[in-house]
Amino acid sequence: MKRTKEIFRDNKWLVLKPLTLNASIKYGYNTKWCTSSKDNPKTFYKYSMDGILIYIIERKTNIKWAVHWEINELGKKCEMSWWNAEDDRLDSMLVTIPEYVMNTIKRELVLESKPNYHYFSENQKNNYEKLNKLKSTSDSSSYDWGVYRNDGIWHTTDTLFNPISPKPTSEGCSLSKLSPVLDVDEAVRKTLEHKHISDAYLKLIKQITDTKEVSPEEDS
């Protein structure tokens, strides 16, 4: 069973897609990513079904980053988000990854058209179906995942919120209980960020198009 799709590896960096819950827990170890939580496994499957999920690990320091690019039901790529190990959402320009590694990540993001879930083994898909059918007092099926994902512009309260439990808690996910507000400065920043990302992808696509032949060694 294929546990990951390895995108890049050298003696300093490892870039991969987690294709099983255990792989996500292993490679997300020592982070606060909800996709690596043993307590709330549905989140890993949710993000995997919604789009492209990639983990980036600096091997010597064990510093980790994650990127998720949402793919909607029509196959269109929508919201992209970058996260550090503390589960803080970051401007992509503040992610300290070398250019040669970042270019490989961008190439994968641009050329990939399927969410991670598409590459799951039948066993993993069956595990998710079983997980979905489980009934318990801590059932989160009615939870608003759109809020939980922290997409868009938000202000947070001081207490953390566990989606499994209706009451505030200091444990579980690091994302806070959220309420949407209008923030003009943040909206402008996000617009500039998306323009920067779009320009970079268009440039990368042009480079790929201009390259007529690439050997397997060069492409890896």
N, C-alpha and C. Protein backbone atom coordinates (compact mmCIF):
# COMPACT_ATOMS: atom_id res chain seq x y z
N MET A 1 0.85 -1.20 0.00
CA MET A 1 0.00 0.00 0.00
C MET A 1 0.88 1.25 0.00
N LYS A 2 0.61 2.16 -0.89
CA LYS A 2 1.39 3.38 -1.00
C LYS A 2 0.94 4.38 0.06
N ARG A 3 1.85 4.72 0.98
CA ARG A 3 1.50 5.59 2.10
C ARG A 3 1.69 7.07 1.78
N THR A 4 2.58 7.38 0.83
CA THR A 4 2.84 8.76 0.44
C THR A 4 3.13 8.83 -1.05
N LYS A 5 3.03 10.02 -1.60
CA LYS A 5 3.60 10.30 -2.91
C LYS A 5 4.75 11.26 -2.68
N GLU A 6 5.96 10.78 -2.91
CA GLU A 6 7.15 11.59 -2.68
C GLU A 6 7.36 12.51 -3.88
N ILE A 7 7.42 13.80 -3.61
CA ILE A 7 7.56 14.80 -4.67
C ILE A 7 9.01 15.23 -4.84
N PHE A 8 9.72 15.31 -3.71
CA PHE A 8 11.12 15.75 -3.77
C PHE A 8 11.84 15.24 -2.53
N ARG A 9 13.11 14.85 -2.73
CA ARG A 9 13.94 14.45 -1.60
C ARG A 9 15.41 14.73 -1.93
N ASP A 10 16.11 15.37 -1.00
CA ASP A 10 17.56 15.42 -1.04
C ASP A 10 18.04 15.33 0.41
N ASN A 11 19.31 15.65 0.66
CA ASN A 11 19.81 15.50 2.02
C ASN A 11 19.31 16.58 2.98
N LYS A 12 18.61 17.59 2.45
CA LYS A 12 18.12 18.67 3.29
C LYS A 12 16.60 18.73 3.38
N TRP A 13 15.90 18.33 2.30
CA TRP A 13 14.46 18.55 2.24
C TRP A 13 13.71 17.29 1.83
N LEU A 14 12.49 17.18 2.33
CA LEU A 14 11.57 16.12 1.93
C LEU A 14 10.21 16.76 1.68
N VAL A 15 9.65 16.50 0.49
CA VAL A 15 8.33 17.04 0.11
C VAL A 15 7.46 15.87 -0.31
N LEU A 16 6.27 15.77 0.28
CA LEU A 16 5.43 14.61 0.00
C LEU A 16 3.95 14.93 0.20
N LYS A 17 3.13 14.04 -0.38
CA LYS A 17 1.69 14.05 -0.12
C LYS A 17 1.38 12.86 0.80
N PRO A 18 0.75 13.06 1.93
CA PRO A 18 0.35 11.93 2.77
C PRO A 18 -0.90 11.27 2.18
N LEU A 19 -0.84 9.95 1.97
CA LEU A 19 -1.95 9.23 1.34
C LEU A 19 -2.63 8.26 2.30
N THR A 20 -2.19 8.24 3.55
CA THR A 20 -2.87 7.48 4.60
C THR A 20 -2.89 8.33 5.86
N LEU A 21 -3.82 8.03 6.74
CA LEU A 21 -3.89 8.75 8.01
C LEU A 21 -2.63 8.54 8.82
N ASN A 22 -2.11 7.31 8.86
CA ASN A 22 -0.89 7.04 9.62
C ASN A 22 0.30 7.81 9.08
N ALA A 23 0.38 7.95 7.75
CA ALA A 23 1.46 8.73 7.16
C ALA A 23 1.34 10.20 7.54
N SER A 24 0.12 10.70 7.57
CA SER A 24 -0.10 12.10 7.94
C SER A 24 0.31 12.33 9.39
N ILE A 25 -0.03 11.38 10.25
CA ILE A 25 0.36 11.49 11.66
C ILE A 25 1.87 11.41 11.81
N LYS A 26 2.50 10.51 11.06
CA LYS A 26 3.96 10.34 11.14
C LYS A 26 4.70 11.58 10.67
N TYR A 27 4.37 12.06 9.47
CA TYR A 27 5.13 13.17 8.91
C TYR A 27 4.68 14.53 9.45
N GLY A 28 3.51 14.55 10.10
CA GLY A 28 3.07 15.77 10.75
C GLY A 28 3.35 15.77 12.24
N TYR A 29 4.15 14.79 12.69
CA TYR A 29 4.47 14.67 14.11
C TYR A 29 5.15 15.95 14.62
N ASN A 30 4.79 16.33 15.82
CA ASN A 30 5.36 17.51 16.49
C ASN A 30 4.88 18.82 15.85
N THR A 31 3.76 18.77 15.15
CA THR A 31 3.10 19.98 14.66
C THR A 31 1.72 20.05 15.31
N LYS A 32 1.04 21.16 15.08
CA LYS A 32 -0.32 21.32 15.56
C LYS A 32 -1.34 21.23 14.41
N TRP A 33 -0.93 20.62 13.32
CA TRP A 33 -1.83 20.48 12.18
C TRP A 33 -3.00 19.56 12.54
N CYS A 34 -4.18 20.02 12.24
CA CYS A 34 -5.36 19.20 12.50
C CYS A 34 -5.40 17.97 11.59
N THR A 35 -4.74 18.04 10.44
CA THR A 35 -4.70 16.90 9.52
C THR A 35 -3.81 15.78 10.05
N SER A 36 -3.05 16.07 11.11
CA SER A 36 -2.18 15.06 11.72
C SER A 36 -2.66 14.66 13.11
N SER A 37 -3.90 14.98 13.41
CA SER A 37 -4.45 14.71 14.74
C SER A 37 -5.01 13.29 14.83
N LYS A 38 -4.62 12.57 15.88
CA LYS A 38 -5.20 11.25 16.14
C LYS A 38 -6.61 11.38 16.69
N ASP A 39 -6.89 12.51 17.34
CA ASP A 39 -8.18 12.70 18.01
C ASP A 39 -9.30 13.04 17.04
N ASN A 40 -8.93 13.56 15.87
CA ASN A 40 -9.96 13.97 14.92
C ASN A 40 -9.56 13.54 13.51
N PRO A 41 -9.56 12.24 13.23
CA PRO A 41 -9.06 11.73 11.94
C PRO A 41 -9.86 12.21 10.74
N LYS A 42 -11.12 12.61 10.95
CA LYS A 42 -11.94 13.04 9.82
C LYS A 42 -11.34 14.25 9.11
N THR A 43 -10.59 15.07 9.85
CA THR A 43 -10.03 16.27 9.25
C THR A 43 -9.03 15.93 8.15
N PHE A 44 -8.20 14.92 8.37
CA PHE A 44 -7.26 14.50 7.34
C PHE A 44 -7.99 14.10 6.07
N TYR A 45 -9.05 13.31 6.21
CA TYR A 45 -9.80 12.87 5.04
C TYR A 45 -10.52 14.04 4.37
N LYS A 46 -11.00 14.97 5.17
CA LYS A 46 -11.71 16.12 4.62
C LYS A 46 -10.79 16.96 3.74
N TYR A 47 -9.60 17.27 4.25
CA TYR A 47 -8.65 18.06 3.46
C TYR A 47 -8.18 17.28 2.23
N SER A 48 -8.02 15.97 2.38
CA SER A 48 -7.57 15.14 1.25
C SER A 48 -8.63 15.07 0.16
N MET A 49 -9.88 15.08 0.54
CA MET A 49 -10.97 15.06 -0.44
C MET A 49 -11.15 16.43 -1.09
N ASP A 50 -10.86 17.48 -0.34
CA ASP A 50 -11.11 18.84 -0.82
C ASP A 50 -10.03 19.38 -1.76
N GLY A 51 -8.84 18.78 -1.76
CA GLY A 51 -7.80 19.34 -2.61
C GLY A 51 -6.45 18.67 -2.45
N ILE A 52 -5.42 19.43 -2.80
CA ILE A 52 -4.04 18.95 -2.78
C ILE A 52 -3.41 19.32 -1.43
N LEU A 53 -2.95 18.33 -0.70
CA LEU A 53 -2.31 18.53 0.60
C LEU A 53 -0.87 18.06 0.51
N ILE A 54 0.08 18.97 0.81
CA ILE A 54 1.50 18.66 0.70
C ILE A 54 2.20 19.06 2.00
N TYR A 55 3.10 18.18 2.48
CA TYR A 55 3.94 18.47 3.64
C TYR A 55 5.36 18.72 3.16
N ILE A 56 6.01 19.74 3.72
CA ILE A 56 7.39 20.07 3.39
C ILE A 56 8.20 20.03 4.67
N ILE A 57 9.27 19.24 4.69
CA ILE A 57 10.04 19.01 5.91
C ILE A 57 11.51 19.33 5.66
N GLU A 58 12.07 20.23 6.49
CA GLU A 58 13.51 20.46 6.48
C GLU A 58 14.13 19.39 7.37
N ARG A 59 14.84 18.46 6.79
CA ARG A 59 15.17 17.21 7.45
C ARG A 59 16.12 17.38 8.65
N LYS A 60 17.07 18.29 8.57
CA LYS A 60 18.05 18.42 9.66
C LYS A 60 17.46 19.15 10.87
N THR A 61 16.62 20.12 10.62
CA THR A 61 16.04 20.90 11.72
C THR A 61 14.65 20.41 12.10
N ASN A 62 14.04 19.59 11.22
CA ASN A 62 12.68 19.09 11.39
C ASN A 62 11.64 20.23 11.40
N ILE A 63 11.99 21.36 10.79
CA ILE A 63 11.02 22.43 10.59
C ILE A 63 10.06 22.00 9.48
N LYS A 64 8.76 22.24 9.70
CA LYS A 64 7.76 21.72 8.77
C LYS A 64 6.80 22.80 8.30
N TRP A 65 6.35 22.63 7.05
CA TRP A 65 5.37 23.51 6.45
C TRP A 65 4.31 22.64 5.77
N ALA A 66 3.14 23.19 5.59
CA ALA A 66 2.09 22.48 4.85
C ALA A 66 1.40 23.46 3.91
N VAL A 67 0.97 22.94 2.76
CA VAL A 67 0.21 23.75 1.82
C VAL A 67 -1.00 22.95 1.38
N HIS A 68 -2.13 23.62 1.27
CA HIS A 68 -3.37 22.99 0.80
C HIS A 68 -3.99 23.88 -0.27
N TRP A 69 -4.30 23.27 -1.43
CA TRP A 69 -4.96 24.01 -2.51
C TRP A 69 -6.30 23.34 -2.77
N GLU A 70 -7.35 24.06 -2.50
CA GLU A 70 -8.69 23.51 -2.64
C GLU A 70 -9.07 23.32 -4.10
N ILE A 71 -9.73 22.19 -4.39
CA ILE A 71 -10.27 21.91 -5.71
C ILE A 71 -11.78 21.71 -5.53
N ASN A 72 -12.58 22.54 -6.19
CA ASN A 72 -14.03 22.45 -5.97
C ASN A 72 -14.64 21.30 -6.77
N GLU A 73 -15.97 21.16 -6.65
CA GLU A 73 -16.65 20.03 -7.29
C GLU A 73 -16.59 20.09 -8.81
N LEU A 74 -16.27 21.26 -9.37
CA LEU A 74 -16.14 21.41 -10.82
C LEU A 74 -14.70 21.20 -11.29
N GLY A 75 -13.81 20.88 -10.36
CA GLY A 75 -12.42 20.66 -10.70
C GLY A 75 -11.60 21.93 -10.78
N LYS A 76 -12.16 23.05 -10.33
CA LYS A 76 -11.44 24.32 -10.36
C LYS A 76 -10.68 24.53 -9.06
N LYS A 77 -9.43 24.97 -9.18
CA LYS A 77 -8.61 25.25 -8.01
C LYS A 77 -8.99 26.61 -7.43
N CYS A 78 -9.23 26.62 -6.13
CA CYS A 78 -9.74 27.84 -5.48
C CYS A 78 -8.75 28.36 -4.45
N GLU A 79 -9.14 28.29 -3.19
CA GLU A 79 -8.34 28.87 -2.11
C GLU A 79 -7.08 28.06 -1.84
N MET A 80 -5.93 28.76 -1.73
CA MET A 80 -4.69 28.12 -1.32
C MET A 80 -4.27 28.66 0.03
N SER A 81 -3.74 27.79 0.88
CA SER A 81 -3.31 28.23 2.20
C SER A 81 -1.99 27.55 2.57
N TRP A 82 -1.10 28.33 3.21
CA TRP A 82 0.17 27.83 3.71
C TRP A 82 0.14 27.88 5.23
N TRP A 83 0.75 26.87 5.88
CA TRP A 83 0.72 26.77 7.34
C TRP A 83 2.09 26.39 7.88
N ASN A 84 2.45 26.98 9.03
CA ASN A 84 3.67 26.54 9.70
C ASN A 84 3.33 25.45 10.70
N ALA A 85 4.32 24.96 11.43
CA ALA A 85 4.11 23.85 12.35
C ALA A 85 3.19 24.21 13.51
N GLU A 86 3.08 25.49 13.81
CA GLU A 86 2.19 25.95 14.87
C GLU A 86 0.75 26.08 14.38
N ASP A 87 0.51 25.76 13.13
CA ASP A 87 -0.81 25.85 12.50
C ASP A 87 -1.25 27.30 12.32
N ASP A 88 -0.26 28.19 12.15
CA ASP A 88 -0.55 29.58 11.83
C ASP A 88 -0.57 29.72 10.31
N ARG A 89 -1.63 30.34 9.79
CA ARG A 89 -1.70 30.56 8.36
C ARG A 89 -0.78 31.71 7.98
N LEU A 90 -0.01 31.53 6.89
CA LEU A 90 1.03 32.48 6.52
C LEU A 90 0.83 33.01 5.11
N ASP A 91 1.35 34.20 4.88
CA ASP A 91 1.52 34.70 3.53
C ASP A 91 2.56 33.82 2.84
N SER A 92 2.30 33.39 1.63
CA SER A 92 3.21 32.48 0.93
C SER A 92 4.62 33.07 0.79
N MET A 93 4.72 34.40 0.73
CA MET A 93 6.03 35.03 0.57
C MET A 93 6.85 34.96 1.85
N LEU A 94 6.24 34.57 2.97
CA LEU A 94 6.95 34.48 4.24
C LEU A 94 7.39 33.05 4.55
N VAL A 95 7.09 32.12 3.66
CA VAL A 95 7.51 30.73 3.85
C VAL A 95 8.96 30.59 3.44
N THR A 96 9.83 30.22 4.37
CA THR A 96 11.27 30.19 4.11
C THR A 96 11.70 28.83 3.57
N ILE A 97 11.40 28.62 2.30
CA ILE A 97 11.78 27.41 1.60
C ILE A 97 12.65 27.83 0.41
N PRO A 98 13.79 27.16 0.18
CA PRO A 98 14.66 27.53 -0.95
C PRO A 98 13.92 27.52 -2.28
N GLU A 99 14.37 28.36 -3.19
CA GLU A 99 13.69 28.51 -4.48
C GLU A 99 13.63 27.22 -5.26
N TYR A 100 14.71 26.41 -5.22
CA TYR A 100 14.71 25.19 -6.02
C TYR A 100 13.68 24.18 -5.49
N VAL A 101 13.46 24.19 -4.17
CA VAL A 101 12.43 23.31 -3.60
C VAL A 101 11.04 23.88 -3.88
N MET A 102 10.89 25.19 -3.72
CA MET A 102 9.61 25.84 -3.95
C MET A 102 9.16 25.66 -5.40
N ASN A 103 10.09 25.71 -6.34
CA ASN A 103 9.73 25.52 -7.75
C ASN A 103 9.18 24.11 -8.00
N THR A 104 9.75 23.12 -7.31
CA THR A 104 9.25 21.76 -7.43
C THR A 104 7.84 21.64 -6.87
N ILE A 105 7.61 22.30 -5.74
CA ILE A 105 6.28 22.30 -5.12
C ILE A 105 5.27 22.97 -6.05
N LYS A 106 5.63 24.12 -6.59
CA LYS A 106 4.74 24.85 -7.50
C LYS A 106 4.41 24.02 -8.73
N ARG A 107 5.42 23.32 -9.24
CA ARG A 107 5.20 22.48 -10.42
C ARG A 107 4.15 21.42 -10.12
N GLU A 108 4.27 20.79 -8.95
CA GLU A 108 3.32 19.76 -8.56
C GLU A 108 1.92 20.36 -8.40
N LEU A 109 1.83 21.51 -7.77
CA LEU A 109 0.54 22.14 -7.55
C LEU A 109 -0.12 22.54 -8.87
N VAL A 110 0.66 23.06 -9.79
CA VAL A 110 0.12 23.52 -11.06
C VAL A 110 -0.33 22.36 -11.94
N LEU A 111 0.49 21.31 -12.02
CA LEU A 111 0.21 20.22 -12.93
C LEU A 111 -0.81 19.23 -12.37
N GLU A 112 -0.93 19.15 -11.05
CA GLU A 112 -1.87 18.20 -10.44
C GLU A 112 -3.31 18.69 -10.62
N SER A 113 -4.18 17.81 -11.01
CA SER A 113 -5.59 18.17 -11.21
C SER A 113 -6.54 17.44 -10.27
N LYS A 114 -6.00 16.46 -9.51
CA LYS A 114 -6.84 15.65 -8.64
C LYS A 114 -6.50 15.91 -7.17
N PRO A 115 -7.50 15.80 -6.29
CA PRO A 115 -7.22 15.89 -4.85
C PRO A 115 -6.47 14.66 -4.37
N ASN A 116 -5.86 14.75 -3.20
CA ASN A 116 -5.09 13.62 -2.67
C ASN A 116 -5.93 12.35 -2.57
N TYR A 117 -7.21 12.50 -2.23
CA TYR A 117 -8.08 11.34 -2.02
C TYR A 117 -8.16 10.45 -3.26
N HIS A 118 -7.98 11.04 -4.41
CA HIS A 118 -8.02 10.30 -5.67
C HIS A 118 -6.97 9.19 -5.70
N TYR A 119 -5.84 9.39 -4.99
CA TYR A 119 -4.73 8.44 -5.01
C TYR A 119 -4.75 7.50 -3.81
N PHE A 120 -5.77 7.58 -2.98
CA PHE A 120 -5.88 6.68 -1.84
C PHE A 120 -6.10 5.24 -2.31
N SER A 121 -5.59 4.30 -1.55
CA SER A 121 -5.87 2.89 -1.82
C SER A 121 -7.33 2.61 -1.46
N GLU A 122 -7.84 1.51 -1.98
CA GLU A 122 -9.22 1.12 -1.65
C GLU A 122 -9.37 0.89 -0.16
N ASN A 123 -8.30 0.38 0.46
CA ASN A 123 -8.33 0.13 1.89
C ASN A 123 -8.52 1.44 2.67
N GLN A 124 -7.78 2.48 2.25
CA GLN A 124 -7.91 3.78 2.92
C GLN A 124 -9.30 4.38 2.70
N LYS A 125 -9.83 4.23 1.50
CA LYS A 125 -11.17 4.75 1.22
C LYS A 125 -12.22 4.00 2.05
N ASN A 126 -12.01 2.70 2.21
CA ASN A 126 -12.92 1.92 3.03
C ASN A 126 -12.83 2.33 4.49
N ASN A 127 -11.61 2.62 4.95
CA ASN A 127 -11.44 3.09 6.33
C ASN A 127 -12.20 4.38 6.57
N TYR A 128 -12.17 5.26 5.57
CA TYR A 128 -12.89 6.52 5.71
C TYR A 128 -14.39 6.29 5.75
N GLU A 129 -14.87 5.39 4.91
CA GLU A 129 -16.30 5.10 4.90
C GLU A 129 -16.75 4.52 6.25
N LYS A 130 -15.92 3.66 6.82
CA LYS A 130 -16.23 3.10 8.14
C LYS A 130 -16.24 4.19 9.21
N LEU A 131 -15.25 5.09 9.11
CA LEU A 131 -15.16 6.20 10.07
C LEU A 131 -16.39 7.09 9.97
N ASN A 132 -16.86 7.30 8.77
CA ASN A 132 -18.03 8.15 8.56
C ASN A 132 -19.30 7.55 9.15
N LYS A 133 -19.34 6.23 9.23
CA LYS A 133 -20.54 5.56 9.71
C LYS A 133 -20.57 5.41 11.22
N LEU A 134 -19.45 5.69 11.86
CA LEU A 134 -19.39 5.56 13.31
C LEU A 134 -20.35 6.53 13.98
N LYS A 135 -21.10 6.05 14.95
CA LYS A 135 -22.02 6.88 15.71
C LYS A 135 -21.53 6.98 17.14
N SER A 136 -21.40 8.19 17.63
CA SER A 136 -20.99 8.38 19.01
C SER A 136 -21.49 9.72 19.50
N THR A 137 -21.34 9.94 20.77
CA THR A 137 -21.79 11.21 21.35
C THR A 137 -20.93 12.36 20.88
N SER A 138 -19.75 12.05 20.35
CA SER A 138 -18.85 13.11 19.87
C SER A 138 -18.90 13.24 18.37
N ASP A 139 -20.01 12.85 17.74
CA ASP A 139 -20.17 12.94 16.29
C ASP A 139 -20.07 14.38 15.83
N SER A 140 -19.20 14.63 14.82
CA SER A 140 -18.99 16.00 14.33
C SER A 140 -19.60 16.20 12.96
N SER A 141 -20.55 15.37 12.55
CA SER A 141 -21.09 15.43 11.19
C SER A 141 -21.81 16.73 10.91
N SER A 142 -22.31 17.40 11.96
CA SER A 142 -23.05 18.64 11.75
C SER A 142 -22.16 19.87 11.86
N TYR A 143 -20.86 19.65 12.05
CA TYR A 143 -19.96 20.78 12.23
C TYR A 143 -19.70 21.50 10.92
N ASP A 144 -19.59 22.80 10.98
CA ASP A 144 -19.34 23.61 9.78
C ASP A 144 -17.85 23.59 9.47
N TRP A 145 -17.46 22.69 8.54
CA TRP A 145 -16.04 22.57 8.21
C TRP A 145 -15.50 23.82 7.54
N GLY A 146 -16.35 24.58 6.88
CA GLY A 146 -15.89 25.81 6.24
C GLY A 146 -15.32 26.79 7.24
N VAL A 147 -15.93 26.87 8.42
CA VAL A 147 -15.41 27.73 9.48
C VAL A 147 -14.15 27.13 10.06
N TYR A 148 -14.17 25.81 10.27
CA TYR A 148 -13.04 25.12 10.90
C TYR A 148 -11.76 25.29 10.10
N ARG A 149 -11.90 25.38 8.76
CA ARG A 149 -10.72 25.48 7.91
C ARG A 149 -10.07 26.84 7.99
N ASN A 150 -10.75 27.82 8.51
CA ASN A 150 -10.18 29.15 8.69
C ASN A 150 -9.83 29.82 7.37
N ASP A 151 -10.59 29.51 6.31
CA ASP A 151 -10.39 30.21 5.04
C ASP A 151 -11.01 31.60 5.13
N GLY A 152 -10.43 32.56 4.46
CA GLY A 152 -11.01 33.90 4.44
C GLY A 152 -10.41 34.79 5.51
N ILE A 153 -11.15 35.79 5.93
CA ILE A 153 -10.67 36.81 6.86
C ILE A 153 -11.40 36.65 8.18
N TRP A 154 -10.62 36.44 9.25
CA TRP A 154 -11.25 36.14 10.53
C TRP A 154 -10.55 36.87 11.67
N HIS A 155 -11.30 37.14 12.73
CA HIS A 155 -10.72 37.51 14.01
C HIS A 155 -11.03 36.38 14.97
N THR A 156 -10.13 36.13 15.91
CA THR A 156 -10.31 34.99 16.80
C THR A 156 -10.55 35.45 18.23
N THR A 157 -11.19 34.56 18.99
CA THR A 157 -11.36 34.79 20.41
C THR A 157 -10.19 34.18 21.16
N ASP A 158 -10.15 34.33 22.46
CA ASP A 158 -9.02 33.84 23.23
C ASP A 158 -9.07 32.35 23.50
N THR A 159 -10.26 31.75 23.50
CA THR A 159 -10.38 30.34 23.82
C THR A 159 -10.42 29.51 22.56
N LEU A 160 -9.76 28.35 22.63
CA LEU A 160 -9.73 27.45 21.49
C LEU A 160 -11.02 26.64 21.46
N PHE A 161 -11.34 26.15 20.26
CA PHE A 161 -12.59 25.43 20.10
C PHE A 161 -12.32 24.09 19.48
N ASN A 162 -12.76 23.05 20.13
CA ASN A 162 -12.61 21.70 19.63
C ASN A 162 -13.87 21.31 18.87
N PRO A 163 -13.80 21.02 17.55
CA PRO A 163 -15.00 20.71 16.77
C PRO A 163 -15.70 19.44 17.21
N ILE A 164 -15.00 18.58 17.94
CA ILE A 164 -15.62 17.37 18.43
C ILE A 164 -16.54 17.68 19.61
N SER A 165 -16.22 18.73 20.34
CA SER A 165 -16.95 19.06 21.55
C SER A 165 -17.61 20.42 21.41
N PRO A 166 -18.83 20.61 21.92
CA PRO A 166 -19.51 21.90 21.79
C PRO A 166 -18.99 22.95 22.76
N LYS A 167 -18.09 22.60 23.65
CA LYS A 167 -17.62 23.58 24.63
C LYS A 167 -16.18 23.97 24.35
N PRO A 168 -15.76 25.20 24.72
CA PRO A 168 -14.37 25.62 24.52
C PRO A 168 -13.42 24.72 25.28
N THR A 169 -12.23 24.55 24.72
CA THR A 169 -11.22 23.72 25.37
C THR A 169 -9.85 24.23 25.02
N SER A 170 -8.88 23.91 25.84
CA SER A 170 -7.50 24.33 25.58
C SER A 170 -6.75 23.25 24.84
N GLU A 171 -7.43 22.13 24.50
CA GLU A 171 -6.78 21.04 23.79
C GLU A 171 -7.37 20.90 22.40
N GLY A 172 -6.82 19.96 21.66
CA GLY A 172 -7.35 19.69 20.32
C GLY A 172 -6.69 20.60 19.30
N CYS A 173 -7.44 21.02 18.31
CA CYS A 173 -6.89 21.84 17.24
C CYS A 173 -6.44 23.19 17.74
N SER A 174 -5.45 23.76 17.06
CA SER A 174 -4.96 25.06 17.49
C SER A 174 -5.77 26.20 16.91
N LEU A 175 -6.66 25.89 15.97
CA LEU A 175 -7.49 26.95 15.41
C LEU A 175 -8.48 27.42 16.47
N SER A 176 -8.68 28.71 16.55
CA SER A 176 -9.57 29.25 17.56
C SER A 176 -11.00 29.27 17.06
N LYS A 177 -11.93 29.49 18.00
CA LYS A 177 -13.32 29.70 17.61
C LYS A 177 -13.37 31.00 16.83
N LEU A 178 -14.02 30.98 15.69
CA LEU A 178 -13.87 32.07 14.73
C LEU A 178 -15.17 32.80 14.47
N SER A 179 -15.05 34.08 14.17
CA SER A 179 -16.22 34.86 13.74
C SER A 179 -15.78 35.80 12.63
N PRO A 180 -16.48 35.84 11.48
CA PRO A 180 -16.05 36.64 10.34
C PRO A 180 -16.26 38.13 10.59
N VAL A 181 -15.28 38.93 10.15
CA VAL A 181 -15.38 40.38 10.23
C VAL A 181 -14.81 40.97 8.95
N LEU A 182 -15.16 42.20 8.67
CA LEU A 182 -14.61 42.90 7.51
C LEU A 182 -13.32 43.58 7.92
N ASP A 183 -12.25 43.31 7.19
CA ASP A 183 -10.94 43.88 7.47
C ASP A 183 -10.34 44.32 6.14
N VAL A 184 -10.41 45.61 5.87
CA VAL A 184 -10.00 46.13 4.56
C VAL A 184 -8.52 45.88 4.30
N ASP A 185 -7.66 46.17 5.30
CA ASP A 185 -6.23 45.98 5.12
C ASP A 185 -5.90 44.52 4.82
N GLU A 186 -6.56 43.60 5.52
CA GLU A 186 -6.31 42.19 5.30
C GLU A 186 -6.81 41.78 3.91
N ALA A 187 -7.93 42.33 3.49
CA ALA A 187 -8.46 42.01 2.16
C ALA A 187 -7.48 42.45 1.07
N VAL A 188 -6.89 43.63 1.24
CA VAL A 188 -5.91 44.13 0.26
C VAL A 188 -4.69 43.23 0.25
N ARG A 189 -4.22 42.84 1.46
CA ARG A 189 -3.05 41.97 1.54
C ARG A 189 -3.30 40.64 0.84
N LYS A 190 -4.50 40.08 1.04
CA LYS A 190 -4.82 38.80 0.42
C LYS A 190 -4.90 38.93 -1.10
N THR A 191 -5.42 40.06 -1.57
CA THR A 191 -5.50 40.28 -3.01
C THR A 191 -4.11 40.30 -3.63
N LEU A 192 -3.17 41.01 -2.97
CA LEU A 192 -1.80 41.08 -3.46
C LEU A 192 -1.13 39.71 -3.39
N GLU A 193 -1.44 38.97 -2.33
CA GLU A 193 -0.86 37.64 -2.20
C GLU A 193 -1.31 36.73 -3.33
N HIS A 194 -2.61 36.74 -3.62
CA HIS A 194 -3.12 35.89 -4.69
C HIS A 194 -2.56 36.29 -6.06
N LYS A 195 -2.36 37.60 -6.26
CA LYS A 195 -1.76 38.07 -7.52
C LYS A 195 -0.33 37.55 -7.64
N HIS A 196 0.41 37.61 -6.53
CA HIS A 196 1.78 37.13 -6.53
C HIS A 196 1.83 35.64 -6.88
N ILE A 197 0.94 34.85 -6.27
CA ILE A 197 0.89 33.42 -6.52
C ILE A 197 0.51 33.15 -7.98
N SER A 198 -0.50 33.88 -8.47
CA SER A 198 -0.96 33.68 -9.85
C SER A 198 0.14 33.99 -10.84
N ASP A 199 0.86 35.11 -10.62
CA ASP A 199 1.96 35.47 -11.53
C ASP A 199 3.04 34.39 -11.54
N ALA A 200 3.35 33.85 -10.36
CA ALA A 200 4.37 32.82 -10.26
C ALA A 200 3.96 31.55 -11.01
N TYR A 201 2.67 31.17 -10.89
CA TYR A 201 2.20 29.97 -11.57
C TYR A 201 2.18 30.14 -13.09
N LEU A 202 1.76 31.33 -13.55
CA LEU A 202 1.75 31.59 -14.99
C LEU A 202 3.16 31.52 -15.56
N LYS A 203 4.12 32.05 -14.80
CA LYS A 203 5.52 32.01 -15.24
C LYS A 203 6.01 30.57 -15.30
N LEU A 204 5.63 29.76 -14.28
CA LEU A 204 6.06 28.38 -14.25
C LEU A 204 5.45 27.59 -15.40
N ILE A 205 4.17 27.81 -15.67
CA ILE A 205 3.50 27.12 -16.78
C ILE A 205 4.19 27.45 -18.09
N LYS A 206 4.58 28.71 -18.29
CA LYS A 206 5.28 29.11 -19.51
C LYS A 206 6.62 28.39 -19.63
N GLN A 207 7.34 28.27 -18.49
CA GLN A 207 8.62 27.57 -18.50
C GLN A 207 8.43 26.10 -18.88
N ILE A 208 7.37 25.48 -18.34
CA ILE A 208 7.10 24.08 -18.64
C ILE A 208 6.75 23.91 -20.11
N THR A 209 5.94 24.82 -20.63
CA THR A 209 5.52 24.77 -22.04
C THR A 209 6.72 24.95 -22.96
N ASP A 210 7.64 25.87 -22.57
CA ASP A 210 8.80 26.15 -23.41
C ASP A 210 9.82 25.01 -23.41
N THR A 211 9.73 24.16 -22.39
CA THR A 211 10.65 23.03 -22.32
C THR A 211 10.08 21.85 -23.10
N LYS A 212 10.64 21.56 -24.23
CA LYS A 212 10.06 20.54 -25.12
C LYS A 212 10.29 19.13 -24.60
N GLU A 213 11.50 18.84 -24.11
CA GLU A 213 11.81 17.51 -23.65
C GLU A 213 12.55 17.60 -22.33
N VAL A 214 12.11 16.80 -21.37
CA VAL A 214 12.78 16.75 -20.07
C VAL A 214 13.03 15.29 -19.74
N SER A 215 14.26 14.95 -19.43
CA SER A 215 14.59 13.56 -19.10
C SER A 215 14.01 13.21 -17.75
N PRO A 216 13.78 11.90 -17.46
CA PRO A 216 13.24 11.47 -16.17
C PRO A 216 14.10 11.95 -15.01
N GLU A 217 15.45 11.96 -15.19
CA GLU A 217 16.31 12.42 -14.12
C GLU A 217 16.12 13.90 -13.84
N GLU A 218 15.97 14.69 -14.91
CA GLU A 218 15.80 16.13 -14.75
C GLU A 218 14.44 16.48 -14.17
N ASP A 219 13.44 15.63 -14.44
CA ASP A 219 12.07 15.93 -14.05
C ASP A 219 11.80 15.55 -12.59
N SER A 220 12.66 14.73 -11.99
CA SER A 220 12.42 14.25 -10.64
C SER A 220 12.93 15.22 -9.62
